[in-house]
């Protein structure tokens, strides 16, 4: 009577297939998220131009020139900093045993 040794299966386990599918989905989802972020950045720039562009023209900058763009960015940055000062900040730290990660909002 011969005893045959159990041979390991060469098929991937259900867990491995599930993890691979999740990894592929995450990678593909990241591409969509990047495109969404690019679209959001374009909308933000368009909004800055609509809000601050006329003020920069009144200050004497010619629409569409590099100095005009710089003016738009400076005004947007000034307003953003002012909003941050009014809202205050919040710092959250997590960790143990001397290893901390802190985020300030």
N, C-alpha and C. Protein backbone atom coordinates (compact mmCIF):
# COMPACT_ATOMS: atom_id res chain seq x y z
N UNK A 1 0.84 -1.16 0.00
CA UNK A 1 0.00 0.00 0.00
C UNK A 1 0.89 1.24 0.00
N UNK A 2 0.66 2.13 -0.98
CA UNK A 2 1.47 3.34 -1.10
C UNK A 2 0.72 4.53 -0.51
N UNK A 3 1.45 5.32 0.21
CA UNK A 3 0.91 6.56 0.78
C UNK A 3 1.42 7.71 -0.06
N UNK A 4 0.55 8.52 -0.50
CA UNK A 4 1.00 9.67 -1.28
C UNK A 4 1.02 10.90 -0.37
N UNK A 5 2.05 11.68 -0.51
CA UNK A 5 2.18 12.90 0.28
C UNK A 5 1.23 13.95 -0.28
N UNK A 6 0.65 14.72 0.59
CA UNK A 6 -0.25 15.79 0.16
C UNK A 6 0.56 16.86 -0.55
N UNK A 7 0.12 17.22 -1.72
CA UNK A 7 0.80 18.24 -2.50
C UNK A 7 0.12 19.58 -2.25
N UNK A 8 0.93 20.62 -2.01
CA UNK A 8 0.31 21.94 -1.82
C UNK A 8 -0.35 22.40 -3.11
N UNK A 9 -1.44 23.09 -2.95
CA UNK A 9 -2.18 23.60 -4.10
C UNK A 9 -1.42 24.75 -4.73
N UNK A 10 -1.39 24.78 -6.05
CA UNK A 10 -0.74 25.89 -6.75
C UNK A 10 -1.72 26.99 -7.09
N UNK A 11 -3.00 26.77 -6.79
CA UNK A 11 -4.01 27.81 -7.03
C UNK A 11 -3.91 28.87 -5.95
N UNK A 12 -4.10 30.13 -6.30
CA UNK A 12 -4.07 31.18 -5.27
C UNK A 12 -5.28 31.02 -4.34
N UNK A 13 -5.06 31.35 -3.10
CA UNK A 13 -6.14 31.26 -2.12
C UNK A 13 -7.16 32.36 -2.37
N UNK A 14 -8.33 32.18 -1.80
CA UNK A 14 -9.38 33.18 -1.93
C UNK A 14 -8.93 34.51 -1.33
N UNK A 15 -8.20 34.43 -0.22
CA UNK A 15 -7.70 35.66 0.42
C UNK A 15 -6.74 36.40 -0.52
N UNK A 16 -5.84 35.66 -1.17
CA UNK A 16 -4.88 36.29 -2.07
C UNK A 16 -5.60 36.96 -3.24
N UNK A 17 -6.60 36.29 -3.79
CA UNK A 17 -7.35 36.86 -4.90
C UNK A 17 -8.10 38.11 -4.46
N UNK A 18 -8.69 38.06 -3.27
CA UNK A 18 -9.42 39.20 -2.74
C UNK A 18 -8.49 40.39 -2.51
N UNK A 19 -7.31 40.12 -1.92
CA UNK A 19 -6.35 41.20 -1.68
C UNK A 19 -5.84 41.79 -3.00
N UNK A 20 -5.59 40.95 -3.99
CA UNK A 20 -5.14 41.46 -5.28
C UNK A 20 -6.21 42.33 -5.93
N UNK A 21 -7.46 41.89 -5.84
CA UNK A 21 -8.55 42.69 -6.41
C UNK A 21 -8.68 44.02 -5.68
N UNK A 22 -8.53 44.00 -4.37
CA UNK A 22 -8.62 45.23 -3.60
C UNK A 22 -7.48 46.18 -3.96
N UNK A 23 -6.28 45.64 -4.17
CA UNK A 23 -5.14 46.46 -4.55
C UNK A 23 -5.36 47.11 -5.91
N UNK A 24 -5.84 46.35 -6.86
CA UNK A 24 -6.12 46.89 -8.20
C UNK A 24 -7.19 47.97 -8.12
N UNK A 25 -8.24 47.73 -7.33
CA UNK A 25 -9.30 48.72 -7.19
C UNK A 25 -8.77 50.00 -6.55
N UNK A 26 -7.90 49.85 -5.55
CA UNK A 26 -7.34 51.03 -4.89
C UNK A 26 -6.46 51.83 -5.86
N UNK A 27 -5.66 51.12 -6.65
CA UNK A 27 -4.81 51.83 -7.60
C UNK A 27 -5.62 52.54 -8.67
N UNK A 28 -6.65 51.88 -9.18
CA UNK A 28 -7.50 52.52 -10.17
C UNK A 28 -8.30 53.66 -9.57
N UNK A 29 -8.73 53.49 -8.33
CA UNK A 29 -9.45 54.55 -7.64
C UNK A 29 -8.58 55.77 -7.41
N UNK A 30 -7.28 55.54 -7.18
CA UNK A 30 -6.36 56.65 -6.99
C UNK A 30 -6.23 57.50 -8.24
N UNK A 31 -6.31 56.89 -9.41
CA UNK A 31 -6.24 57.64 -10.67
C UNK A 31 -7.45 58.56 -10.80
N UNK A 32 -8.61 58.05 -10.46
CA UNK A 32 -9.82 58.86 -10.54
C UNK A 32 -9.73 60.01 -9.55
N UNK A 33 -9.23 59.74 -8.37
CA UNK A 33 -9.10 60.77 -7.35
C UNK A 33 -8.13 61.86 -7.81
N UNK A 34 -7.05 61.47 -8.46
CA UNK A 34 -6.10 62.45 -8.95
C UNK A 34 -6.75 63.34 -10.01
N UNK A 35 -7.55 62.75 -10.88
CA UNK A 35 -8.25 63.55 -11.89
C UNK A 35 -9.25 64.48 -11.23
N UNK A 36 -9.91 63.99 -10.21
CA UNK A 36 -10.86 64.85 -9.49
C UNK A 36 -10.15 65.99 -8.81
N UNK A 37 -8.97 65.71 -8.24
CA UNK A 37 -8.21 66.78 -7.60
C UNK A 37 -7.76 67.82 -8.61
N UNK A 38 -7.35 67.38 -9.79
CA UNK A 38 -6.94 68.32 -10.84
C UNK A 38 -8.11 69.20 -11.26
N UNK A 39 -9.28 68.59 -11.40
CA UNK A 39 -10.48 69.37 -11.77
C UNK A 39 -10.83 70.36 -10.67
N UNK A 40 -10.70 69.95 -9.41
CA UNK A 40 -10.99 70.85 -8.29
C UNK A 40 -10.00 72.01 -8.26
N UNK A 41 -8.73 71.74 -8.56
CA UNK A 41 -7.73 72.82 -8.59
C UNK A 41 -8.05 73.82 -9.70
N UNK A 42 -8.48 73.31 -10.85
CA UNK A 42 -8.86 74.21 -11.95
C UNK A 42 -10.05 75.08 -11.57
N UNK A 43 -11.03 74.49 -10.89
CA UNK A 43 -12.19 75.27 -10.44
C UNK A 43 -11.76 76.33 -9.43
N UNK A 44 -10.83 75.97 -8.54
CA UNK A 44 -10.35 76.93 -7.54
C UNK A 44 -9.63 78.10 -8.21
N UNK A 45 -8.83 77.81 -9.21
CA UNK A 45 -8.12 78.88 -9.93
C UNK A 45 -9.12 79.77 -10.66
N UNK A 46 -10.10 79.15 -11.32
CA UNK A 46 -11.13 79.95 -12.00
C UNK A 46 -11.86 80.86 -11.02
N UNK A 47 -12.16 80.35 -9.83
CA UNK A 47 -12.83 81.16 -8.81
C UNK A 47 -11.94 82.32 -8.36
N UNK A 48 -10.63 82.05 -8.17
CA UNK A 48 -9.72 83.12 -7.76
C UNK A 48 -9.68 84.21 -8.82
N UNK A 49 -9.66 83.83 -10.09
CA UNK A 49 -9.62 84.81 -11.17
C UNK A 49 -10.89 85.65 -11.18
N UNK A 50 -12.04 85.00 -10.97
CA UNK A 50 -13.31 85.74 -10.95
C UNK A 50 -13.37 86.71 -9.77
N UNK A 51 -12.86 86.29 -8.62
CA UNK A 51 -12.96 87.12 -7.41
C UNK A 51 -11.92 88.23 -7.40
N UNK A 52 -10.65 87.88 -7.67
CA UNK A 52 -9.56 88.85 -7.48
C UNK A 52 -9.10 89.52 -8.77
N UNK A 53 -9.44 88.95 -9.93
CA UNK A 53 -9.02 89.54 -11.20
C UNK A 53 -9.45 90.97 -11.39
N UNK A 54 -10.73 91.30 -11.18
CA UNK A 54 -11.17 92.69 -11.35
C UNK A 54 -10.43 93.67 -10.43
N UNK A 55 -10.14 93.26 -9.20
CA UNK A 55 -9.42 94.14 -8.28
C UNK A 55 -8.02 94.41 -8.80
N UNK A 56 -7.37 93.39 -9.34
CA UNK A 56 -6.02 93.59 -9.87
C UNK A 56 -6.04 94.50 -11.10
N UNK A 57 -7.10 94.40 -11.91
CA UNK A 57 -7.22 95.31 -13.06
C UNK A 57 -7.41 96.74 -12.59
N UNK A 58 -8.20 96.93 -11.52
CA UNK A 58 -8.39 98.28 -10.97
C UNK A 58 -7.09 98.84 -10.41
N UNK A 59 -6.20 97.92 -9.97
CA UNK A 59 -4.90 98.37 -9.46
C UNK A 59 -3.92 98.68 -10.58
N UNK A 60 -4.33 98.46 -11.83
CA UNK A 60 -3.50 98.83 -12.97
C UNK A 60 -2.81 97.68 -13.67
N UNK A 61 -3.05 96.46 -13.25
CA UNK A 61 -2.44 95.31 -13.92
C UNK A 61 -3.25 94.94 -15.15
N UNK A 62 -2.57 94.55 -16.21
CA UNK A 62 -3.23 94.14 -17.45
C UNK A 62 -3.65 92.69 -17.34
N UNK A 63 -4.92 92.43 -17.61
CA UNK A 63 -5.48 91.09 -17.50
C UNK A 63 -4.69 90.08 -18.34
N UNK A 64 -4.36 88.94 -17.74
CA UNK A 64 -3.67 87.86 -18.44
C UNK A 64 -2.17 87.93 -18.43
N UNK A 65 -1.60 88.97 -17.84
CA UNK A 65 -0.14 89.08 -17.78
C UNK A 65 0.38 88.40 -16.52
N UNK A 66 1.67 88.13 -16.49
CA UNK A 66 2.26 87.50 -15.31
C UNK A 66 2.12 88.37 -14.05
N UNK A 67 2.35 89.70 -14.15
CA UNK A 67 2.13 90.53 -12.95
C UNK A 67 0.67 90.47 -12.46
N UNK A 68 -0.27 90.41 -13.38
CA UNK A 68 -1.69 90.30 -13.01
C UNK A 68 -1.94 88.99 -12.28
N UNK A 69 -1.37 87.88 -12.79
CA UNK A 69 -1.52 86.58 -12.13
C UNK A 69 -0.91 86.62 -10.72
N UNK A 70 0.25 87.27 -10.62
CA UNK A 70 0.88 87.41 -9.30
C UNK A 70 0.01 88.18 -8.34
N UNK A 71 -0.64 89.23 -8.83
CA UNK A 71 -1.56 90.02 -8.01
C UNK A 71 -2.72 89.16 -7.53
N UNK A 72 -3.30 88.37 -8.45
CA UNK A 72 -4.42 87.49 -8.09
C UNK A 72 -3.99 86.52 -6.99
N UNK A 73 -2.82 85.91 -7.15
CA UNK A 73 -2.34 84.95 -6.15
C UNK A 73 -2.06 85.62 -4.81
N UNK A 74 -1.48 86.82 -4.84
CA UNK A 74 -1.20 87.53 -3.57
C UNK A 74 -2.48 87.88 -2.84
N UNK A 75 -3.49 88.37 -3.56
CA UNK A 75 -4.77 88.71 -2.92
C UNK A 75 -5.45 87.46 -2.35
N UNK A 76 -5.42 86.36 -3.10
CA UNK A 76 -6.02 85.11 -2.62
C UNK A 76 -5.28 84.61 -1.39
N UNK A 77 -3.94 84.71 -1.41
CA UNK A 77 -3.14 84.27 -0.26
C UNK A 77 -3.42 85.13 0.95
N UNK A 78 -3.55 86.43 0.73
CA UNK A 78 -3.84 87.35 1.84
C UNK A 78 -5.18 87.00 2.49
N UNK A 79 -6.20 86.76 1.66
CA UNK A 79 -7.51 86.40 2.22
C UNK A 79 -7.49 85.05 2.92
N UNK A 80 -6.76 84.11 2.37
CA UNK A 80 -6.65 82.79 2.99
C UNK A 80 -5.97 82.89 4.36
N UNK A 81 -4.91 83.69 4.44
CA UNK A 81 -4.22 83.88 5.72
C UNK A 81 -5.12 84.57 6.73
N UNK A 82 -5.89 85.54 6.27
CA UNK A 82 -6.81 86.25 7.17
C UNK A 82 -7.89 85.31 7.70
N UNK A 83 -8.42 84.45 6.83
CA UNK A 83 -9.42 83.47 7.29
C UNK A 83 -8.82 82.51 8.31
N UNK A 84 -7.59 82.11 8.10
CA UNK A 84 -6.92 81.21 9.04
C UNK A 84 -6.73 81.88 10.40
N UNK A 85 -6.36 83.16 10.38
CA UNK A 85 -6.17 83.88 11.65
C UNK A 85 -7.49 84.01 12.41
N UNK A 86 -8.58 84.25 11.68
CA UNK A 86 -9.88 84.39 12.34
C UNK A 86 -10.38 83.07 12.89
N UNK A 87 -10.12 81.98 12.19
CA UNK A 87 -10.61 80.68 12.63
C UNK A 87 -9.77 80.07 13.73
N UNK A 88 -8.53 80.48 13.86
CA UNK A 88 -7.66 79.88 14.83
C UNK A 88 -7.11 78.56 14.30
N UNK A 89 -6.36 77.89 15.15
CA UNK A 89 -5.79 76.61 14.73
C UNK A 89 -6.12 75.54 15.74
N UNK A 90 -6.01 74.31 15.31
CA UNK A 90 -6.25 73.14 16.15
C UNK A 90 -5.10 72.18 15.91
N UNK A 91 -4.48 71.73 17.00
CA UNK A 91 -3.40 70.76 16.88
C UNK A 91 -3.81 69.47 17.55
N UNK A 92 -3.60 68.37 16.83
CA UNK A 92 -3.94 67.05 17.34
C UNK A 92 -2.69 66.19 17.28
N UNK A 93 -2.30 65.61 18.43
CA UNK A 93 -1.12 64.75 18.47
C UNK A 93 -1.52 63.36 18.94
N UNK A 94 -0.98 62.34 18.26
CA UNK A 94 -1.22 60.97 18.68
C UNK A 94 0.11 60.24 18.72
N UNK A 95 0.20 59.24 19.59
CA UNK A 95 1.41 58.44 19.69
C UNK A 95 1.68 58.03 21.12
N UNK A 96 2.74 57.26 21.28
CA UNK A 96 3.13 56.80 22.61
C UNK A 96 4.64 56.71 22.73
N UNK A 97 5.13 56.68 23.92
CA UNK A 97 6.53 56.42 24.24
C UNK A 97 7.51 57.29 23.44
N UNK A 98 7.23 58.56 23.36
CA UNK A 98 8.14 59.48 22.71
C UNK A 98 8.01 59.57 21.20
N UNK A 99 7.13 58.79 20.62
CA UNK A 99 6.90 58.85 19.18
C UNK A 99 5.54 59.47 18.95
N UNK A 100 5.54 60.70 18.48
CA UNK A 100 4.29 61.42 18.28
C UNK A 100 4.20 61.94 16.86
N UNK A 101 2.99 62.03 16.38
CA UNK A 101 2.73 62.70 15.11
C UNK A 101 1.67 63.75 15.39
N UNK A 102 1.98 64.99 15.06
CA UNK A 102 1.08 66.09 15.32
C UNK A 102 0.66 66.73 14.00
N UNK A 103 -0.60 67.09 13.92
CA UNK A 103 -1.15 67.80 12.78
C UNK A 103 -1.81 69.07 13.28
N UNK A 104 -1.54 70.17 12.61
CA UNK A 104 -2.14 71.43 12.95
C UNK A 104 -3.04 71.86 11.82
N UNK A 105 -4.27 72.19 12.18
CA UNK A 105 -5.26 72.62 11.21
C UNK A 105 -5.65 74.05 11.48
